[in-house]
N, C-alpha and C. Protein backbone atom coordinates (compact mmCIF):
# COMPACT_ATOMS: atom_id res chain seq x y z
N MET A 1 88.76 58.70 -34.54
CA MET A 1 88.76 59.65 -33.43
C MET A 1 87.33 59.89 -32.94
N LYS A 2 87.15 59.85 -31.63
CA LYS A 2 85.87 60.19 -31.04
C LYS A 2 85.59 61.68 -31.24
N ARG A 3 84.32 62.01 -31.48
CA ARG A 3 83.93 63.41 -31.65
C ARG A 3 82.78 63.75 -30.72
N LEU A 4 82.88 64.89 -30.09
CA LEU A 4 81.76 65.49 -29.38
C LEU A 4 81.13 66.49 -30.33
N VAL A 5 79.89 66.25 -30.73
CA VAL A 5 79.22 67.08 -31.73
C VAL A 5 78.15 67.91 -31.01
N LEU A 6 78.34 69.23 -31.00
CA LEU A 6 77.46 70.14 -30.29
C LEU A 6 76.63 70.94 -31.30
N PHE A 7 75.32 70.76 -31.25
CA PHE A 7 74.42 71.39 -32.22
C PHE A 7 73.76 72.63 -31.64
N ASP A 8 73.74 73.68 -32.44
CA ASP A 8 72.84 74.80 -32.22
C ASP A 8 71.42 74.33 -32.57
N ILE A 9 70.41 75.10 -32.18
CA ILE A 9 69.02 74.70 -32.45
C ILE A 9 68.37 75.56 -33.53
N ASP A 10 68.04 76.81 -33.20
CA ASP A 10 67.30 77.66 -34.14
C ASP A 10 68.14 77.99 -35.37
N GLY A 11 67.60 77.69 -36.53
CA GLY A 11 68.31 77.95 -37.78
C GLY A 11 69.22 76.82 -38.20
N THR A 12 69.53 75.92 -37.27
CA THR A 12 70.41 74.79 -37.56
C THR A 12 69.64 73.48 -37.60
N LEU A 13 68.96 73.16 -36.52
CA LEU A 13 68.14 71.95 -36.47
C LEU A 13 66.71 72.21 -36.91
N LEU A 14 66.22 73.43 -36.65
CA LEU A 14 64.80 73.67 -36.88
C LEU A 14 64.51 75.16 -37.03
N SER A 15 63.30 75.42 -37.46
CA SER A 15 62.71 76.75 -37.43
C SER A 15 61.42 76.67 -36.64
N ALA A 16 61.21 77.62 -35.74
CA ALA A 16 59.99 77.64 -34.94
C ALA A 16 59.02 78.72 -35.42
N GLY A 17 59.22 79.21 -36.63
CA GLY A 17 58.26 80.09 -37.25
C GLY A 17 58.04 81.43 -36.58
N GLY A 18 59.04 81.90 -35.86
CA GLY A 18 58.91 83.20 -35.21
C GLY A 18 58.13 83.18 -33.91
N ILE A 19 57.70 81.98 -33.46
CA ILE A 19 56.90 81.90 -32.24
C ILE A 19 57.70 82.34 -31.02
N SER A 20 59.01 82.09 -31.03
CA SER A 20 59.84 82.50 -29.89
C SER A 20 59.82 84.01 -29.71
N ALA A 21 60.01 84.74 -30.81
CA ALA A 21 60.02 86.19 -30.72
C ALA A 21 58.66 86.72 -30.28
N ARG A 22 57.60 86.12 -30.78
CA ARG A 22 56.27 86.58 -30.39
C ARG A 22 56.01 86.36 -28.91
N CYS A 23 56.41 85.20 -28.41
CA CYS A 23 56.23 84.91 -26.98
C CYS A 23 57.09 85.84 -26.13
N LEU A 24 58.33 86.06 -26.54
CA LEU A 24 59.19 86.97 -25.79
C LEU A 24 58.61 88.38 -25.80
N GLY A 25 58.11 88.82 -26.94
CA GLY A 25 57.51 90.15 -27.03
C GLY A 25 56.33 90.30 -26.09
N ASP A 26 55.50 89.25 -26.00
CA ASP A 26 54.36 89.29 -25.09
C ASP A 26 54.82 89.51 -23.65
N VAL A 27 55.87 88.79 -23.27
CA VAL A 27 56.33 88.85 -21.88
C VAL A 27 57.04 90.18 -21.60
N LEU A 28 57.84 90.66 -22.54
CA LEU A 28 58.48 91.96 -22.36
C LEU A 28 57.44 93.05 -22.18
N ALA A 29 56.37 92.99 -22.93
CA ALA A 29 55.30 93.98 -22.80
C ALA A 29 54.64 93.90 -21.42
N GLU A 30 54.51 92.69 -20.89
CA GLU A 30 53.93 92.52 -19.56
C GLU A 30 54.83 93.09 -18.47
N VAL A 31 56.12 92.78 -18.55
CA VAL A 31 57.04 93.10 -17.46
C VAL A 31 57.59 94.53 -17.57
N PHE A 32 57.97 94.93 -18.78
CA PHE A 32 58.57 96.25 -18.98
C PHE A 32 57.59 97.28 -19.54
N GLY A 33 56.48 96.81 -20.06
CA GLY A 33 55.54 97.73 -20.66
C GLY A 33 55.83 98.05 -22.11
N GLU A 34 56.84 97.41 -22.69
CA GLU A 34 57.22 97.60 -24.09
C GLU A 34 58.11 96.47 -24.52
N THR A 35 58.25 96.31 -25.83
CA THR A 35 59.05 95.20 -26.35
C THR A 35 60.45 95.60 -26.76
N GLY A 36 60.70 96.90 -26.90
CA GLY A 36 61.98 97.31 -27.47
C GLY A 36 61.97 97.17 -28.98
N PRO A 37 63.10 97.44 -29.62
CA PRO A 37 63.17 97.46 -31.09
C PRO A 37 63.26 96.07 -31.70
N MET A 38 62.19 95.29 -31.62
CA MET A 38 62.21 93.92 -32.12
C MET A 38 62.22 93.85 -33.64
N ASP A 39 61.59 94.80 -34.31
CA ASP A 39 61.57 94.78 -35.77
C ASP A 39 62.98 94.98 -36.31
N GLY A 40 63.45 94.01 -37.07
CA GLY A 40 64.78 94.10 -37.64
C GLY A 40 65.89 93.65 -36.72
N TYR A 41 65.56 93.27 -35.49
CA TYR A 41 66.60 92.83 -34.56
C TYR A 41 67.18 91.50 -35.01
N ASP A 42 68.50 91.33 -34.89
CA ASP A 42 69.19 90.12 -35.31
C ASP A 42 69.37 89.20 -34.10
N TYR A 43 68.61 88.12 -34.05
CA TYR A 43 68.67 87.16 -32.95
C TYR A 43 69.78 86.13 -33.12
N SER A 44 70.39 86.06 -34.28
CA SER A 44 71.28 84.95 -34.65
C SER A 44 72.43 84.79 -33.66
N GLY A 45 72.55 83.58 -33.12
CA GLY A 45 73.69 83.23 -32.29
C GLY A 45 73.71 83.85 -30.92
N LYS A 46 72.63 84.52 -30.51
CA LYS A 46 72.62 85.21 -29.22
C LYS A 46 71.86 84.39 -28.18
N THR A 47 72.20 84.62 -26.92
CA THR A 47 71.49 83.93 -25.85
C THR A 47 70.21 84.68 -25.51
N ASP A 48 69.25 83.97 -24.93
CA ASP A 48 68.01 84.62 -24.54
C ASP A 48 68.24 85.75 -23.54
N PRO A 49 69.08 85.58 -22.52
CA PRO A 49 69.35 86.72 -21.62
C PRO A 49 69.98 87.91 -22.34
N GLN A 50 70.86 87.65 -23.28
CA GLN A 50 71.48 88.73 -24.06
C GLN A 50 70.43 89.46 -24.89
N ILE A 51 69.51 88.72 -25.47
CA ILE A 51 68.46 89.33 -26.29
C ILE A 51 67.62 90.27 -25.45
N VAL A 52 67.23 89.83 -24.26
CA VAL A 52 66.44 90.69 -23.37
C VAL A 52 67.21 91.96 -23.04
N ARG A 53 68.48 91.81 -22.69
CA ARG A 53 69.28 92.99 -22.35
C ARG A 53 69.38 93.96 -23.53
N GLU A 54 69.68 93.45 -24.71
CA GLU A 54 69.87 94.33 -25.87
C GLU A 54 68.57 95.02 -26.27
N LEU A 55 67.47 94.30 -26.23
CA LEU A 55 66.18 94.91 -26.59
C LEU A 55 65.80 96.00 -25.60
N MET A 56 66.03 95.76 -24.32
CA MET A 56 65.65 96.76 -23.32
C MET A 56 66.63 97.93 -23.29
N ARG A 57 67.89 97.70 -23.58
CA ARG A 57 68.80 98.82 -23.76
C ARG A 57 68.36 99.66 -24.95
N GLY A 58 67.93 99.00 -26.01
CA GLY A 58 67.44 99.72 -27.17
C GLY A 58 66.20 100.54 -26.88
N ALA A 59 65.46 100.15 -25.84
CA ALA A 59 64.28 100.90 -25.42
C ALA A 59 64.63 102.00 -24.42
N GLY A 60 65.94 102.12 -24.08
CA GLY A 60 66.37 103.17 -23.18
C GLY A 60 66.39 102.79 -21.71
N ARG A 61 66.19 101.50 -21.40
CA ARG A 61 66.22 101.06 -20.01
C ARG A 61 67.67 100.87 -19.55
N ASP A 62 67.94 101.19 -18.29
CA ASP A 62 69.30 101.03 -17.78
C ASP A 62 69.51 99.61 -17.27
N ASP A 63 70.79 99.26 -17.10
CA ASP A 63 71.13 97.88 -16.74
C ASP A 63 70.63 97.49 -15.36
N VAL A 64 70.52 98.44 -14.44
CA VAL A 64 70.01 98.12 -13.11
C VAL A 64 68.58 97.60 -13.20
N GLU A 65 67.74 98.31 -13.94
CA GLU A 65 66.36 97.88 -14.11
C GLU A 65 66.30 96.55 -14.86
N ILE A 66 67.12 96.43 -15.89
CA ILE A 66 67.13 95.19 -16.67
C ILE A 66 67.49 94.00 -15.80
N GLU A 67 68.52 94.15 -14.97
CA GLU A 67 68.94 93.06 -14.09
C GLU A 67 67.84 92.70 -13.09
N GLN A 68 67.12 93.68 -12.62
CA GLN A 68 66.05 93.43 -11.66
C GLN A 68 64.90 92.66 -12.27
N LYS A 69 64.54 93.01 -13.50
CA LYS A 69 63.33 92.46 -14.11
C LYS A 69 63.59 91.27 -15.03
N ARG A 70 64.82 91.08 -15.46
CA ARG A 70 65.09 90.03 -16.43
C ARG A 70 64.76 88.63 -15.93
N PRO A 71 65.06 88.27 -14.67
CA PRO A 71 64.68 86.92 -14.23
C PRO A 71 63.19 86.62 -14.41
N ALA A 72 62.35 87.59 -14.11
CA ALA A 72 60.91 87.39 -14.27
C ALA A 72 60.56 87.22 -15.75
N VAL A 73 61.20 88.00 -16.61
CA VAL A 73 60.97 87.88 -18.04
C VAL A 73 61.31 86.47 -18.52
N LEU A 74 62.48 85.98 -18.14
CA LEU A 74 62.94 84.69 -18.64
C LEU A 74 62.07 83.55 -18.11
N GLU A 75 61.69 83.63 -16.86
CA GLU A 75 60.84 82.58 -16.29
C GLU A 75 59.47 82.56 -16.98
N ARG A 76 58.87 83.73 -17.16
CA ARG A 76 57.56 83.79 -17.81
C ARG A 76 57.66 83.40 -19.28
N TYR A 77 58.75 83.78 -19.92
CA TYR A 77 58.93 83.44 -21.33
C TYR A 77 58.98 81.93 -21.53
N ALA A 78 59.73 81.23 -20.69
CA ALA A 78 59.82 79.77 -20.82
C ALA A 78 58.45 79.12 -20.66
N THR A 79 57.68 79.60 -19.70
CA THR A 79 56.34 79.06 -19.49
C THR A 79 55.41 79.40 -20.65
N HIS A 80 55.46 80.64 -21.11
CA HIS A 80 54.60 81.09 -22.21
C HIS A 80 54.90 80.31 -23.49
N LEU A 81 56.17 80.09 -23.77
CA LEU A 81 56.55 79.34 -24.97
C LEU A 81 56.05 77.90 -24.87
N ALA A 82 56.21 77.27 -23.71
CA ALA A 82 55.75 75.89 -23.54
C ALA A 82 54.25 75.79 -23.72
N ASN A 83 53.51 76.80 -23.29
CA ASN A 83 52.05 76.78 -23.40
C ASN A 83 51.54 77.16 -24.78
N THR A 84 52.38 77.86 -25.55
CA THR A 84 51.94 78.41 -26.84
C THR A 84 52.38 77.57 -28.03
N LEU A 85 53.60 77.04 -27.98
CA LEU A 85 54.15 76.35 -29.14
C LEU A 85 53.38 75.07 -29.43
N ARG A 86 53.05 74.88 -30.69
CA ARG A 86 52.36 73.69 -31.16
C ARG A 86 53.25 72.96 -32.18
N PRO A 87 53.05 71.66 -32.35
CA PRO A 87 53.89 70.92 -33.30
C PRO A 87 53.97 71.55 -34.69
N GLU A 88 52.87 72.14 -35.13
CA GLU A 88 52.87 72.73 -36.47
C GLU A 88 53.73 73.98 -36.57
N HIS A 89 54.12 74.55 -35.44
CA HIS A 89 55.00 75.71 -35.47
C HIS A 89 56.45 75.35 -35.78
N VAL A 90 56.80 74.08 -35.60
CA VAL A 90 58.21 73.66 -35.67
C VAL A 90 58.46 72.88 -36.96
N THR A 91 59.46 73.33 -37.72
CA THR A 91 59.82 72.68 -38.98
C THR A 91 61.29 72.28 -38.93
N PRO A 92 61.61 71.01 -39.16
CA PRO A 92 63.02 70.62 -39.18
C PRO A 92 63.73 71.20 -40.39
N LYS A 93 64.97 71.53 -40.23
CA LYS A 93 65.77 71.96 -41.36
C LYS A 93 66.08 70.75 -42.26
N PRO A 94 66.36 70.99 -43.54
CA PRO A 94 66.55 69.87 -44.48
C PRO A 94 67.62 68.89 -44.01
N GLY A 95 67.26 67.62 -44.00
CA GLY A 95 68.21 66.56 -43.70
C GLY A 95 68.47 66.30 -42.24
N VAL A 96 67.85 67.04 -41.34
CA VAL A 96 68.18 66.94 -39.92
C VAL A 96 67.89 65.55 -39.36
N HIS A 97 66.71 65.00 -39.63
CA HIS A 97 66.38 63.70 -39.05
C HIS A 97 67.34 62.61 -39.53
N ASP A 98 67.62 62.58 -40.82
CA ASP A 98 68.52 61.55 -41.35
C ASP A 98 69.93 61.72 -40.79
N LEU A 99 70.39 62.96 -40.65
CA LEU A 99 71.72 63.19 -40.12
C LEU A 99 71.81 62.75 -38.66
N LEU A 100 70.84 63.11 -37.86
CA LEU A 100 70.88 62.73 -36.45
C LEU A 100 70.81 61.22 -36.28
N LEU A 101 70.00 60.57 -37.11
CA LEU A 101 69.94 59.10 -37.06
C LEU A 101 71.29 58.49 -37.40
N ALA A 102 71.94 59.03 -38.44
CA ALA A 102 73.26 58.52 -38.83
C ALA A 102 74.28 58.73 -37.71
N LEU A 103 74.25 59.89 -37.09
CA LEU A 103 75.22 60.17 -36.01
C LEU A 103 74.92 59.35 -34.77
N GLN A 104 73.64 59.11 -34.50
CA GLN A 104 73.27 58.30 -33.35
C GLN A 104 73.82 56.87 -33.49
N GLU A 105 73.87 56.38 -34.71
CA GLU A 105 74.36 55.03 -34.96
C GLU A 105 75.87 54.98 -35.15
N GLU A 106 76.51 56.14 -35.12
CA GLU A 106 77.96 56.23 -35.36
C GLU A 106 78.69 56.16 -34.02
N PRO A 107 79.50 55.12 -33.78
CA PRO A 107 80.18 54.97 -32.48
C PRO A 107 81.19 56.07 -32.18
N ARG A 108 81.62 56.79 -33.21
CA ARG A 108 82.59 57.87 -32.97
C ARG A 108 81.94 59.14 -32.47
N ALA A 109 80.61 59.25 -32.50
CA ALA A 109 79.95 60.52 -32.22
C ALA A 109 79.18 60.49 -30.91
N THR A 110 79.36 61.56 -30.12
CA THR A 110 78.54 61.83 -28.95
C THR A 110 77.84 63.16 -29.20
N LEU A 111 76.53 63.20 -29.02
CA LEU A 111 75.75 64.38 -29.37
C LEU A 111 75.42 65.22 -28.14
N GLY A 112 75.49 66.53 -28.32
CA GLY A 112 75.11 67.47 -27.28
C GLY A 112 74.56 68.73 -27.92
N LEU A 113 74.12 69.65 -27.08
CA LEU A 113 73.57 70.92 -27.53
C LEU A 113 74.46 72.07 -27.10
N LEU A 114 74.52 73.08 -27.94
CA LEU A 114 75.19 74.34 -27.61
C LEU A 114 74.31 75.44 -28.19
N THR A 115 73.51 76.06 -27.36
CA THR A 115 72.46 76.95 -27.84
C THR A 115 72.24 78.12 -26.92
N GLY A 116 71.81 79.22 -27.51
CA GLY A 116 71.48 80.40 -26.71
C GLY A 116 70.12 80.32 -26.06
N ASN A 117 69.33 79.30 -26.40
CA ASN A 117 68.04 79.09 -25.77
C ASN A 117 68.20 78.78 -24.29
N LEU A 118 67.27 79.23 -23.47
CA LEU A 118 67.15 78.69 -22.13
C LEU A 118 66.93 77.18 -22.26
N GLU A 119 67.41 76.41 -21.30
CA GLU A 119 67.29 74.96 -21.44
C GLU A 119 65.84 74.50 -21.59
N PRO A 120 64.88 74.98 -20.78
CA PRO A 120 63.50 74.52 -20.98
C PRO A 120 62.95 74.91 -22.35
N CYS A 121 63.37 76.05 -22.88
CA CYS A 121 62.91 76.46 -24.22
C CYS A 121 63.52 75.56 -25.29
N ALA A 122 64.78 75.17 -25.11
CA ALA A 122 65.41 74.25 -26.05
C ALA A 122 64.64 72.95 -26.12
N ARG A 123 64.30 72.40 -24.96
CA ARG A 123 63.57 71.13 -24.92
C ARG A 123 62.17 71.28 -25.53
N THR A 124 61.52 72.41 -25.26
CA THR A 124 60.20 72.67 -25.82
C THR A 124 60.22 72.64 -27.34
N LYS A 125 61.26 73.22 -27.93
CA LYS A 125 61.33 73.28 -29.39
C LYS A 125 61.69 71.93 -30.01
N LEU A 126 62.50 71.14 -29.32
CA LEU A 126 62.94 69.86 -29.87
C LEU A 126 61.87 68.78 -29.76
N LEU A 127 61.01 68.86 -28.77
CA LEU A 127 60.04 67.80 -28.52
C LEU A 127 59.14 67.50 -29.72
N PRO A 128 58.58 68.50 -30.42
CA PRO A 128 57.68 68.16 -31.54
C PRO A 128 58.35 67.36 -32.65
N LEU A 129 59.67 67.45 -32.75
CA LEU A 129 60.38 66.71 -33.80
C LEU A 129 60.82 65.33 -33.33
N GLY A 130 60.60 65.01 -32.06
CA GLY A 130 60.98 63.71 -31.54
C GLY A 130 62.47 63.50 -31.39
N ILE A 131 63.22 64.60 -31.24
CA ILE A 131 64.68 64.47 -31.16
C ILE A 131 65.26 64.94 -29.83
N ALA A 132 64.41 65.33 -28.90
CA ALA A 132 64.92 65.87 -27.63
C ALA A 132 65.76 64.84 -26.89
N ASP A 133 65.36 63.56 -26.95
CA ASP A 133 66.05 62.52 -26.18
C ASP A 133 67.42 62.17 -26.76
N LEU A 134 67.72 62.67 -27.96
CA LEU A 134 69.04 62.38 -28.54
C LEU A 134 70.15 63.19 -27.87
N PHE A 135 69.77 64.22 -27.13
CA PHE A 135 70.75 65.13 -26.53
C PHE A 135 70.63 65.05 -25.01
N GLY A 136 71.54 64.30 -24.41
CA GLY A 136 71.47 64.11 -22.97
C GLY A 136 72.03 65.26 -22.16
N PHE A 137 72.79 66.12 -22.80
CA PHE A 137 73.41 67.24 -22.08
C PHE A 137 73.69 68.36 -23.07
N GLY A 138 74.12 69.48 -22.54
CA GLY A 138 74.47 70.61 -23.38
C GLY A 138 74.76 71.83 -22.54
N ALA A 139 74.96 72.95 -23.21
CA ALA A 139 75.13 74.24 -22.55
C ALA A 139 74.13 75.20 -23.18
N PHE A 140 73.53 76.04 -22.35
CA PHE A 140 72.35 76.79 -22.75
C PHE A 140 72.45 78.26 -22.33
N GLY A 141 71.57 79.06 -22.92
CA GLY A 141 71.52 80.46 -22.54
C GLY A 141 71.17 80.66 -21.08
N SER A 142 70.50 79.70 -20.47
CA SER A 142 70.21 79.79 -19.03
C SER A 142 71.45 79.58 -18.18
N ASP A 143 72.53 79.10 -18.79
CA ASP A 143 73.79 78.92 -18.05
C ASP A 143 74.63 80.18 -17.99
N HIS A 144 74.59 80.97 -19.06
CA HIS A 144 75.38 82.21 -19.10
C HIS A 144 74.87 83.09 -20.22
N GLU A 145 74.90 84.38 -19.98
CA GLU A 145 74.48 85.34 -21.01
C GLU A 145 75.44 85.37 -22.20
N ASP A 146 76.72 85.12 -21.93
CA ASP A 146 77.76 85.22 -22.95
C ASP A 146 77.87 83.90 -23.71
N ARG A 147 77.50 83.89 -24.96
CA ARG A 147 77.55 82.67 -25.79
C ARG A 147 78.96 82.07 -25.81
N TYR A 148 79.97 82.92 -25.69
CA TYR A 148 81.35 82.46 -25.80
C TYR A 148 81.83 81.72 -24.54
N ARG A 149 81.05 81.76 -23.48
CA ARG A 149 81.36 80.99 -22.27
C ARG A 149 80.79 79.57 -22.32
N LEU A 150 79.90 79.32 -23.25
CA LEU A 150 79.16 78.07 -23.24
C LEU A 150 79.96 76.84 -23.71
N PRO A 151 80.88 76.94 -24.70
CA PRO A 151 81.59 75.73 -25.12
C PRO A 151 82.35 75.05 -23.98
N ALA A 152 83.03 75.81 -23.15
CA ALA A 152 83.78 75.21 -22.05
C ALA A 152 82.85 74.47 -21.09
N LEU A 153 81.68 75.05 -20.86
CA LEU A 153 80.70 74.40 -19.99
C LEU A 153 80.17 73.12 -20.63
N ALA A 154 79.95 73.14 -21.95
CA ALA A 154 79.50 71.93 -22.64
C ALA A 154 80.53 70.81 -22.51
N LEU A 155 81.81 71.16 -22.58
CA LEU A 155 82.86 70.16 -22.44
C LEU A 155 82.86 69.56 -21.03
N GLU A 156 82.64 70.39 -20.02
CA GLU A 156 82.56 69.88 -18.65
C GLU A 156 81.40 68.91 -18.50
N ARG A 157 80.27 69.23 -19.08
CA ARG A 157 79.10 68.36 -18.96
C ARG A 157 79.27 67.08 -19.76
N ALA A 158 79.96 67.17 -20.90
CA ALA A 158 80.25 65.97 -21.67
C ALA A 158 81.13 65.02 -20.88
N ARG A 159 82.10 65.57 -20.18
CA ARG A 159 82.97 64.72 -19.36
C ARG A 159 82.19 64.06 -18.23
N ALA A 160 81.29 64.82 -17.60
CA ALA A 160 80.48 64.26 -16.52
C ALA A 160 79.55 63.17 -17.03
N ALA A 161 79.04 63.34 -18.24
CA ALA A 161 78.07 62.40 -18.79
C ALA A 161 78.73 61.15 -19.36
N THR A 162 79.93 61.30 -19.92
CA THR A 162 80.56 60.19 -20.65
C THR A 162 81.81 59.64 -19.98
N GLY A 163 82.38 60.41 -19.06
CA GLY A 163 83.64 60.01 -18.45
C GLY A 163 84.85 60.26 -19.33
N ARG A 164 84.63 60.94 -20.45
CA ARG A 164 85.72 61.21 -21.40
C ARG A 164 85.98 62.70 -21.48
N ARG A 165 87.25 63.08 -21.53
CA ARG A 165 87.64 64.47 -21.69
C ARG A 165 87.82 64.76 -23.18
N TYR A 166 86.94 65.58 -23.73
CA TYR A 166 87.05 65.98 -25.14
C TYR A 166 87.81 67.29 -25.23
N GLU A 167 88.73 67.36 -26.18
CA GLU A 167 89.56 68.56 -26.31
C GLU A 167 89.78 68.89 -27.78
N GLY A 168 90.00 70.18 -28.03
CA GLY A 168 90.43 70.66 -29.35
C GLY A 168 89.62 70.09 -30.49
N GLY A 169 90.30 69.47 -31.44
CA GLY A 169 89.68 68.98 -32.65
C GLY A 169 88.73 67.83 -32.45
N GLU A 170 88.66 67.28 -31.23
CA GLU A 170 87.67 66.24 -30.95
C GLU A 170 86.27 66.83 -30.80
N VAL A 171 86.19 68.14 -30.68
CA VAL A 171 84.92 68.83 -30.47
C VAL A 171 84.50 69.54 -31.76
N VAL A 172 83.24 69.36 -32.14
CA VAL A 172 82.72 69.99 -33.35
C VAL A 172 81.45 70.76 -32.99
N ILE A 173 81.42 72.05 -33.31
CA ILE A 173 80.23 72.86 -33.13
C ILE A 173 79.56 73.02 -34.49
N VAL A 174 78.28 72.68 -34.56
CA VAL A 174 77.51 72.78 -35.80
C VAL A 174 76.47 73.88 -35.60
N GLY A 175 76.55 74.93 -36.43
CA GLY A 175 75.62 76.04 -36.25
C GLY A 175 75.50 76.90 -37.48
N ASP A 176 74.51 77.79 -37.44
CA ASP A 176 74.17 78.59 -38.62
C ASP A 176 74.58 80.05 -38.51
N SER A 177 75.24 80.44 -37.41
CA SER A 177 75.58 81.85 -37.24
C SER A 177 77.09 82.04 -37.12
N ILE A 178 77.50 83.27 -37.30
CA ILE A 178 78.90 83.62 -37.12
C ILE A 178 79.36 83.30 -35.70
N HIS A 179 78.48 83.52 -34.73
CA HIS A 179 78.84 83.24 -33.33
C HIS A 179 79.06 81.75 -33.11
N ASP A 180 78.34 80.90 -33.82
CA ASP A 180 78.58 79.46 -33.71
C ASP A 180 79.98 79.11 -34.21
N VAL A 181 80.39 79.76 -35.28
CA VAL A 181 81.73 79.50 -35.84
C VAL A 181 82.82 79.97 -34.88
N LEU A 182 82.60 81.12 -34.26
CA LEU A 182 83.66 81.75 -33.48
C LEU A 182 83.72 81.34 -32.01
N CYS A 183 82.59 80.89 -31.44
CA CYS A 183 82.55 80.78 -29.98
C CYS A 183 83.48 79.71 -29.42
N GLY A 184 83.83 78.71 -30.20
CA GLY A 184 84.73 77.68 -29.69
C GLY A 184 86.17 77.85 -30.11
N ARG A 185 86.47 78.94 -30.80
CA ARG A 185 87.81 79.09 -31.37
C ARG A 185 88.89 79.15 -30.30
N SER A 186 88.61 79.78 -29.17
CA SER A 186 89.62 79.90 -28.12
C SER A 186 89.98 78.54 -27.53
N LEU A 187 89.10 77.55 -27.70
CA LEU A 187 89.36 76.20 -27.21
C LEU A 187 89.92 75.29 -28.30
N GLY A 188 90.08 75.82 -29.50
CA GLY A 188 90.62 75.05 -30.60
C GLY A 188 89.67 74.02 -31.18
N VAL A 189 88.36 74.22 -30.98
CA VAL A 189 87.41 73.24 -31.49
C VAL A 189 87.12 73.49 -32.96
N ARG A 190 86.57 72.47 -33.63
CA ARG A 190 86.21 72.58 -35.03
C ARG A 190 84.82 73.18 -35.16
N ALA A 191 84.58 73.86 -36.27
CA ALA A 191 83.27 74.44 -36.54
C ALA A 191 82.79 73.98 -37.91
N VAL A 192 81.55 73.53 -37.96
CA VAL A 192 80.89 73.23 -39.22
C VAL A 192 79.72 74.20 -39.33
N ALA A 193 79.80 75.11 -40.29
CA ALA A 193 78.77 76.12 -40.48
C ALA A 193 77.76 75.63 -41.51
N VAL A 194 76.50 75.93 -41.26
CA VAL A 194 75.45 75.53 -42.18
C VAL A 194 74.54 76.73 -42.44
N ALA A 195 74.33 77.03 -43.72
CA ALA A 195 73.65 78.27 -44.11
C ALA A 195 72.14 78.07 -44.19
N THR A 196 71.55 77.55 -43.11
CA THR A 196 70.11 77.34 -43.07
C THR A 196 69.42 78.35 -42.16
N GLY A 197 70.17 79.32 -41.69
CA GLY A 197 69.60 80.39 -40.87
C GLY A 197 69.58 81.70 -41.63
N ARG A 198 69.86 82.78 -40.93
CA ARG A 198 69.81 84.11 -41.54
C ARG A 198 71.13 84.56 -42.13
N THR A 199 72.20 83.79 -41.92
CA THR A 199 73.53 84.19 -42.38
C THR A 199 73.87 83.45 -43.66
N SER A 200 74.37 84.17 -44.63
CA SER A 200 74.67 83.56 -45.93
C SER A 200 75.87 82.63 -45.84
N LEU A 201 75.95 81.73 -46.81
CA LEU A 201 77.08 80.80 -46.87
C LEU A 201 78.39 81.56 -47.01
N GLU A 202 78.38 82.62 -47.81
CA GLU A 202 79.59 83.41 -48.02
C GLU A 202 80.05 84.08 -46.72
N ALA A 203 79.10 84.63 -45.97
CA ALA A 203 79.45 85.29 -44.71
C ALA A 203 79.98 84.29 -43.70
N LEU A 204 79.42 83.09 -43.69
CA LEU A 204 79.92 82.05 -42.79
C LEU A 204 81.32 81.61 -43.19
N ARG A 205 81.53 81.40 -44.47
CA ARG A 205 82.87 80.99 -44.93
C ARG A 205 83.93 82.02 -44.59
N ALA A 206 83.55 83.29 -44.59
CA ALA A 206 84.51 84.36 -44.30
C ALA A 206 85.06 84.27 -42.88
N GLN A 207 84.36 83.56 -41.98
CA GLN A 207 84.83 83.42 -40.60
C GLN A 207 85.78 82.24 -40.41
N GLY A 208 86.00 81.46 -41.47
CA GLY A 208 86.99 80.40 -41.41
C GLY A 208 86.60 79.13 -40.70
N PRO A 209 85.34 78.64 -40.85
CA PRO A 209 85.02 77.33 -40.27
C PRO A 209 85.77 76.23 -41.00
N GLN A 210 85.91 75.08 -40.35
CA GLN A 210 86.58 73.96 -41.02
C GLN A 210 85.78 73.47 -42.22
N ARG A 211 84.45 73.52 -42.10
CA ARG A 211 83.60 73.20 -43.24
C ARG A 211 82.40 74.14 -43.23
N ALA A 212 81.87 74.42 -44.42
CA ALA A 212 80.66 75.23 -44.55
C ALA A 212 79.75 74.56 -45.57
N LEU A 213 78.51 74.32 -45.18
CA LEU A 213 77.55 73.62 -46.01
C LEU A 213 76.33 74.49 -46.25
N SER A 214 75.72 74.34 -47.41
CA SER A 214 74.50 75.09 -47.67
C SER A 214 73.35 74.58 -46.81
N ASP A 215 73.30 73.26 -46.57
CA ASP A 215 72.33 72.66 -45.66
C ASP A 215 72.82 71.27 -45.30
N LEU A 216 71.98 70.50 -44.59
CA LEU A 216 72.38 69.18 -44.10
C LEU A 216 71.68 68.06 -44.86
N SER A 217 71.17 68.35 -46.04
CA SER A 217 70.34 67.38 -46.76
C SER A 217 71.14 66.21 -47.32
N ASP A 218 72.43 66.40 -47.60
CA ASP A 218 73.28 65.30 -48.07
C ASP A 218 73.89 64.66 -46.83
N THR A 219 73.27 63.58 -46.37
CA THR A 219 73.67 62.98 -45.10
C THR A 219 75.12 62.54 -45.10
N ARG A 220 75.55 61.87 -46.15
CA ARG A 220 76.92 61.37 -46.19
C ARG A 220 77.92 62.53 -46.14
N ARG A 221 77.64 63.57 -46.88
CA ARG A 221 78.54 64.73 -46.89
C ARG A 221 78.55 65.42 -45.52
N ALA A 222 77.38 65.53 -44.90
CA ALA A 222 77.30 66.19 -43.61
C ALA A 222 78.04 65.39 -42.53
N VAL A 223 77.87 64.07 -42.55
CA VAL A 223 78.58 63.23 -41.58
C VAL A 223 80.08 63.36 -41.77
N GLU A 224 80.51 63.35 -43.01
CA GLU A 224 81.96 63.50 -43.28
C GLU A 224 82.47 64.84 -42.81
N ALA A 225 81.70 65.90 -43.05
CA ALA A 225 82.10 67.23 -42.61
C ALA A 225 82.22 67.30 -41.08
N ILE A 226 81.32 66.64 -40.39
CA ILE A 226 81.29 66.69 -38.92
C ILE A 226 82.36 65.79 -38.31
N LEU A 227 82.47 64.57 -38.78
CA LEU A 227 83.39 63.62 -38.17
C LEU A 227 84.79 63.68 -38.75
N GLY A 228 84.93 64.23 -39.96
CA GLY A 228 86.24 64.43 -40.55
C GLY A 228 86.84 63.14 -41.12
């Protein structure tokens, strides 16, 4: 069976060492005059537009002001991250390179992205690892604030890119957060959870993914979990 494999980025493929939060904080301070309650904030599985909204609501700003200023925040954030991030800031998660190589050579697998990052930020983070070109399409936080709207959009883009309609169990979302496990459930897609982010393996398993792995370091096991 052909599989469309949609990867999350932060916590799943890589860690950017907190540089994203620092860059966003810089821009929020410029545009809003404050960063909001960033200390202790849970970024896992959320889109960049959602993060801006929640942080500014936490600072007491109303939605009208947030809607007015958020486009400027997101545009400046993407530029600031591209100018600030260095290769040494980005660390691949265990087994990522070997897994992607194996999937790239696997005729049953088509690779895409499903991430809360703005698309330019996603590409910025992937470039230092040399894996950006493996993902020709995806769905991003720049497409919609609601993470749960993104799987359907990823399927549309996969069809446009490949000419194939992927449905239900042909689609696999690989991610490290509860939202990664749940966001494709309404479409009947499979979820492979990996505990390389902030969410424990036990918490991920409690959401009922088809498979849950501690990490991706065992390439054969990871490929089997993804392709079934």
